[in-house]
């Protein structure tokens, strides 16, 4: 994550917000791809969303 944020800052962007959508409860996890473990995805979301403005 630091590589992405640092690259944005180095390019002159101001990072306004970072979100890691996921499921706090492993039982609520729905696998669209079939290859992720619910217990892991509850702790390490597979997606990072960055809002940045230049």
N, C-alpha and C. Protein backbone atom coordinates (compact mmCIF):
# COMPACT_ATOMS: atom_id res chain seq x y z
N UNK A 1 0.82 -1.18 0.00
CA UNK A 1 0.00 0.00 0.00
C UNK A 1 0.88 1.25 0.00
N UNK A 2 1.99 1.19 0.71
CA UNK A 2 2.84 2.38 0.78
C UNK A 2 3.39 2.76 -0.60
N UNK A 3 3.67 1.77 -1.44
CA UNK A 3 4.16 2.08 -2.79
C UNK A 3 3.14 2.89 -3.58
N UNK A 4 1.88 2.51 -3.47
CA UNK A 4 0.82 3.22 -4.20
C UNK A 4 0.66 4.63 -3.67
N UNK A 5 0.57 4.77 -2.35
CA UNK A 5 0.37 6.09 -1.75
C UNK A 5 1.58 6.98 -2.03
N UNK A 6 2.78 6.46 -1.85
CA UNK A 6 3.98 7.26 -2.09
C UNK A 6 4.10 7.69 -3.55
N UNK A 7 3.73 6.81 -4.48
CA UNK A 7 3.77 7.17 -5.90
C UNK A 7 2.78 8.29 -6.20
N UNK A 8 1.61 8.24 -5.62
CA UNK A 8 0.63 9.31 -5.81
C UNK A 8 1.14 10.63 -5.26
N UNK A 9 1.69 10.60 -4.05
CA UNK A 9 2.22 11.82 -3.42
C UNK A 9 3.40 12.36 -4.24
N UNK A 10 4.30 11.50 -4.68
CA UNK A 10 5.44 11.92 -5.49
C UNK A 10 5.01 12.53 -6.81
N UNK A 11 3.86 12.10 -7.34
CA UNK A 11 3.33 12.64 -8.60
C UNK A 11 2.53 13.91 -8.39
N UNK A 12 2.46 14.38 -7.14
CA UNK A 12 1.78 15.64 -6.87
C UNK A 12 0.33 15.51 -6.43
N UNK A 13 -0.12 14.31 -6.17
CA UNK A 13 -1.50 14.11 -5.72
C UNK A 13 -1.58 14.30 -4.21
N UNK A 14 -2.72 14.74 -3.75
CA UNK A 14 -3.01 14.82 -2.32
C UNK A 14 -4.00 13.70 -2.02
N UNK A 15 -3.58 12.73 -1.23
CA UNK A 15 -4.44 11.60 -0.90
C UNK A 15 -5.47 12.07 0.12
N UNK A 16 -6.73 11.96 -0.25
CA UNK A 16 -7.82 12.43 0.61
C UNK A 16 -8.41 11.32 1.46
N UNK A 17 -8.37 10.10 0.95
CA UNK A 17 -9.02 9.01 1.67
C UNK A 17 -8.53 7.68 1.12
N UNK A 18 -8.43 6.68 2.00
CA UNK A 18 -8.08 5.32 1.60
C UNK A 18 -9.10 4.38 2.22
N UNK A 19 -9.68 3.51 1.40
CA UNK A 19 -10.66 2.53 1.88
C UNK A 19 -10.20 1.14 1.49
N UNK A 20 -10.43 0.19 2.36
CA UNK A 20 -10.15 -1.22 2.08
C UNK A 20 -11.44 -2.00 2.28
N UNK A 21 -12.31 -2.01 1.26
CA UNK A 21 -13.58 -2.70 1.43
C UNK A 21 -13.37 -4.19 1.71
N UNK A 22 -14.15 -4.68 2.60
CA UNK A 22 -14.05 -6.10 2.93
C UNK A 22 -15.15 -6.47 3.91
N UNK A 23 -14.98 -7.60 4.53
CA UNK A 23 -15.97 -8.11 5.46
C UNK A 23 -15.31 -8.29 6.83
N UNK A 24 -15.84 -7.64 7.84
CA UNK A 24 -15.31 -7.79 9.20
C UNK A 24 -15.63 -9.18 9.75
N UNK A 25 -16.73 -9.74 9.30
CA UNK A 25 -17.18 -11.05 9.78
C UNK A 25 -16.94 -12.11 8.70
N UNK A 26 -16.05 -13.09 8.96
CA UNK A 26 -15.79 -14.11 7.94
C UNK A 26 -17.03 -14.86 7.46
N UNK A 27 -18.04 -15.00 8.32
CA UNK A 27 -19.26 -15.69 7.92
C UNK A 27 -20.08 -14.90 6.91
N UNK A 28 -19.86 -13.57 6.85
CA UNK A 28 -20.59 -12.72 5.92
C UNK A 28 -19.91 -12.65 4.55
N UNK A 29 -18.70 -13.20 4.45
CA UNK A 29 -17.93 -13.12 3.21
C UNK A 29 -18.57 -13.96 2.11
N UNK A 30 -18.71 -13.34 0.93
CA UNK A 30 -19.23 -14.04 -0.23
C UNK A 30 -18.14 -14.02 -1.30
N UNK A 31 -17.66 -15.18 -1.68
CA UNK A 31 -16.58 -15.27 -2.66
C UNK A 31 -17.12 -15.25 -4.07
N UNK A 32 -16.83 -14.18 -4.80
CA UNK A 32 -17.22 -14.09 -6.20
C UNK A 32 -16.23 -14.84 -7.09
N UNK A 33 -15.02 -15.07 -6.58
CA UNK A 33 -13.97 -15.67 -7.39
C UNK A 33 -13.64 -17.10 -6.97
N UNK A 34 -14.06 -17.49 -5.78
CA UNK A 34 -13.88 -18.85 -5.34
C UNK A 34 -12.50 -19.22 -4.83
N UNK A 35 -11.54 -18.29 -4.83
CA UNK A 35 -10.19 -18.66 -4.45
C UNK A 35 -9.71 -18.01 -3.15
N UNK A 36 -10.53 -17.18 -2.53
CA UNK A 36 -10.12 -16.50 -1.32
C UNK A 36 -10.67 -17.19 -0.08
N UNK A 37 -9.89 -17.21 0.97
CA UNK A 37 -10.31 -17.80 2.24
C UNK A 37 -11.05 -16.74 3.06
N UNK A 38 -12.28 -17.01 3.51
CA UNK A 38 -13.05 -16.02 4.27
C UNK A 38 -12.31 -15.50 5.51
N UNK A 39 -11.61 -16.36 6.23
CA UNK A 39 -10.92 -15.91 7.45
C UNK A 39 -9.82 -14.90 7.11
N UNK A 40 -9.13 -15.11 5.99
CA UNK A 40 -8.08 -14.19 5.56
C UNK A 40 -8.68 -12.91 5.01
N UNK A 41 -9.72 -13.01 4.22
CA UNK A 41 -10.32 -11.83 3.61
C UNK A 41 -10.98 -10.92 4.65
N UNK A 42 -11.35 -11.47 5.80
CA UNK A 42 -11.89 -10.64 6.87
C UNK A 42 -10.81 -9.74 7.45
N UNK A 43 -9.54 -10.11 7.24
CA UNK A 43 -8.42 -9.34 7.79
C UNK A 43 -7.66 -8.58 6.71
N UNK A 44 -7.60 -9.13 5.49
CA UNK A 44 -6.83 -8.52 4.41
C UNK A 44 -7.72 -8.39 3.18
N UNK A 45 -8.39 -7.25 3.01
CA UNK A 45 -9.28 -7.07 1.86
C UNK A 45 -8.52 -7.15 0.54
N UNK A 46 -9.13 -7.73 -0.50
CA UNK A 46 -8.46 -7.86 -1.79
C UNK A 46 -8.49 -6.59 -2.62
N UNK A 47 -9.12 -5.53 -2.13
CA UNK A 47 -9.29 -4.30 -2.89
C UNK A 47 -8.83 -3.10 -2.09
N UNK A 48 -8.19 -2.15 -2.74
CA UNK A 48 -7.79 -0.89 -2.13
C UNK A 48 -8.37 0.22 -2.98
N UNK A 49 -9.09 1.16 -2.36
CA UNK A 49 -9.66 2.29 -3.07
C UNK A 49 -9.00 3.55 -2.52
N UNK A 50 -8.42 4.35 -3.43
CA UNK A 50 -7.74 5.58 -3.03
C UNK A 50 -8.42 6.75 -3.71
N UNK A 51 -8.79 7.76 -2.92
CA UNK A 51 -9.31 9.01 -3.48
C UNK A 51 -8.19 10.03 -3.38
N UNK A 52 -7.77 10.55 -4.55
CA UNK A 52 -6.68 11.50 -4.58
C UNK A 52 -7.03 12.63 -5.56
N UNK A 53 -6.48 13.80 -5.28
CA UNK A 53 -6.76 14.95 -6.13
C UNK A 53 -5.45 15.65 -6.45
N UNK A 54 -5.34 16.10 -7.68
CA UNK A 54 -4.12 16.80 -8.09
C UNK A 54 -4.43 18.24 -8.38
